[in-house]
Protein backbone atom coordinates (compact mmCIF):
# COMPACT_ATOMS: atom_id res chain seq x y z
CA MET A 1 -1.21 -16.59 -13.08
CA THR A 2 -0.94 -14.09 -10.28
CA ASP A 3 -0.91 -14.90 -6.58
CA ILE A 4 -3.57 -12.84 -4.77
CA SER A 5 -2.92 -14.11 -1.24
CA ALA A 6 -1.38 -10.78 -0.14
CA PHE A 7 -4.78 -9.13 -0.51
CA GLY A 8 -6.27 -11.29 2.24
CA ILE A 9 -9.27 -12.42 0.20
CA GLN A 10 -9.82 -16.17 0.32
CA ASP A 11 -12.17 -16.45 -2.65
CA ASP A 12 -10.74 -15.81 -6.14
CA VAL A 13 -14.19 -15.35 -7.69
CA THR A 14 -15.10 -12.64 -5.18
CA PHE A 15 -11.74 -10.99 -5.70
CA ALA A 16 -12.11 -11.03 -9.49
CA ARG A 17 -15.55 -9.40 -9.20
CA GLN A 18 -14.21 -6.83 -6.73
CA LEU A 19 -11.29 -6.09 -9.05
CA VAL A 20 -13.71 -5.19 -11.85
CA ALA A 21 -15.93 -3.09 -9.57
CA ASP A 22 -13.15 -1.28 -7.70
CA GLY A 23 -10.34 -1.21 -10.23
CA GLY A 24 -11.93 -1.53 -13.65
CA VAL A 25 -9.64 -4.48 -14.47
CA ALA A 26 -10.97 -7.93 -15.38
CA ALA A 27 -9.32 -11.25 -14.54
CA VAL A 28 -10.22 -14.93 -14.69
CA PRO A 29 -10.55 -16.68 -11.30
CA GLY A 30 -7.81 -19.27 -10.96
CA SER A 31 -10.16 -21.88 -9.55
CA SER A 32 -11.88 -22.08 -12.94
CA LEU A 33 -8.61 -23.24 -14.54
CA TYR A 34 -7.73 -26.12 -12.21
CA SER A 35 -9.16 -29.64 -12.13
CA ASP A 36 -9.17 -29.18 -8.34
CA PRO A 37 -10.64 -25.67 -7.97
CA ALA A 38 -9.23 -25.30 -4.44
CA SER A 39 -5.72 -25.37 -5.94
CA GLY A 40 -6.39 -22.13 -7.83
CA ARG A 41 -8.38 -20.15 -5.29
CA GLN A 42 -5.46 -17.82 -4.54
CA ARG A 43 -4.71 -17.11 -8.20
CA LEU A 44 -6.01 -14.90 -11.00
CA ARG A 45 -5.24 -14.98 -14.71
CA PHE A 46 -4.92 -11.77 -16.71
CA HIS A 47 -5.11 -11.38 -20.50
CA PHE A 48 -2.67 -8.90 -22.05
CA ALA A 49 -3.57 -8.83 -25.75
CA ARG A 50 -4.52 -5.15 -25.82
CA ARG A 51 -3.22 -1.81 -27.00
CA LEU A 52 -0.32 -0.35 -25.02
CA GLU A 53 -2.52 2.48 -23.73
CA THR A 54 -5.01 -0.04 -22.34
CA LEU A 55 -2.27 -2.01 -20.62
CA GLU A 56 -0.76 1.14 -19.10
CA ALA A 57 -4.14 2.22 -17.72
CA ALA A 58 -4.74 -1.26 -16.27
CA ALA A 59 -1.27 -1.26 -14.68
CA GLU A 60 -1.99 2.09 -13.03
CA ARG A 61 -5.30 0.79 -11.62
CA LEU A 62 -3.59 -2.34 -10.30
CA HIS A 63 -0.86 -0.25 -8.66
CA ARG A 64 -3.51 1.82 -6.87
CA LEU A 65 -5.22 -1.37 -5.62
CA ARG A 66 -1.88 -2.81 -4.49
CA ASP A 67 -1.11 0.38 -2.57
CA ARG A 68 -4.45 0.05 -0.72
CA ALA A 69 -3.87 -3.64 0.15
CA PRO A 70 -3.06 -4.53 3.76
CA ALA A 71 0.65 -4.91 4.42
CA LYS A 72 1.86 -8.51 4.31
CA SER A 73 3.44 -9.62 7.58
CA SER A 74 7.15 -10.42 7.48
CA GLY A 75 6.46 -13.77 9.17
CA SER A 76 4.63 -15.23 6.12
């Protein structure tokens, strides 16, 4: 599970959809994996059973998205 709170998006489902549209990388919204969906709303799950080339391309896309994310304040 990956914490997505640094991206400033409060809804994991919206973020997962945006990740596919903007980055070409799919993830499972964390809220779908918790008995209390609110507990997972700042998390995504990724699946890594792919060829190395596929994983490298996904990593590059995620790096580009991370670089575009708003800077996290030092007070958090």
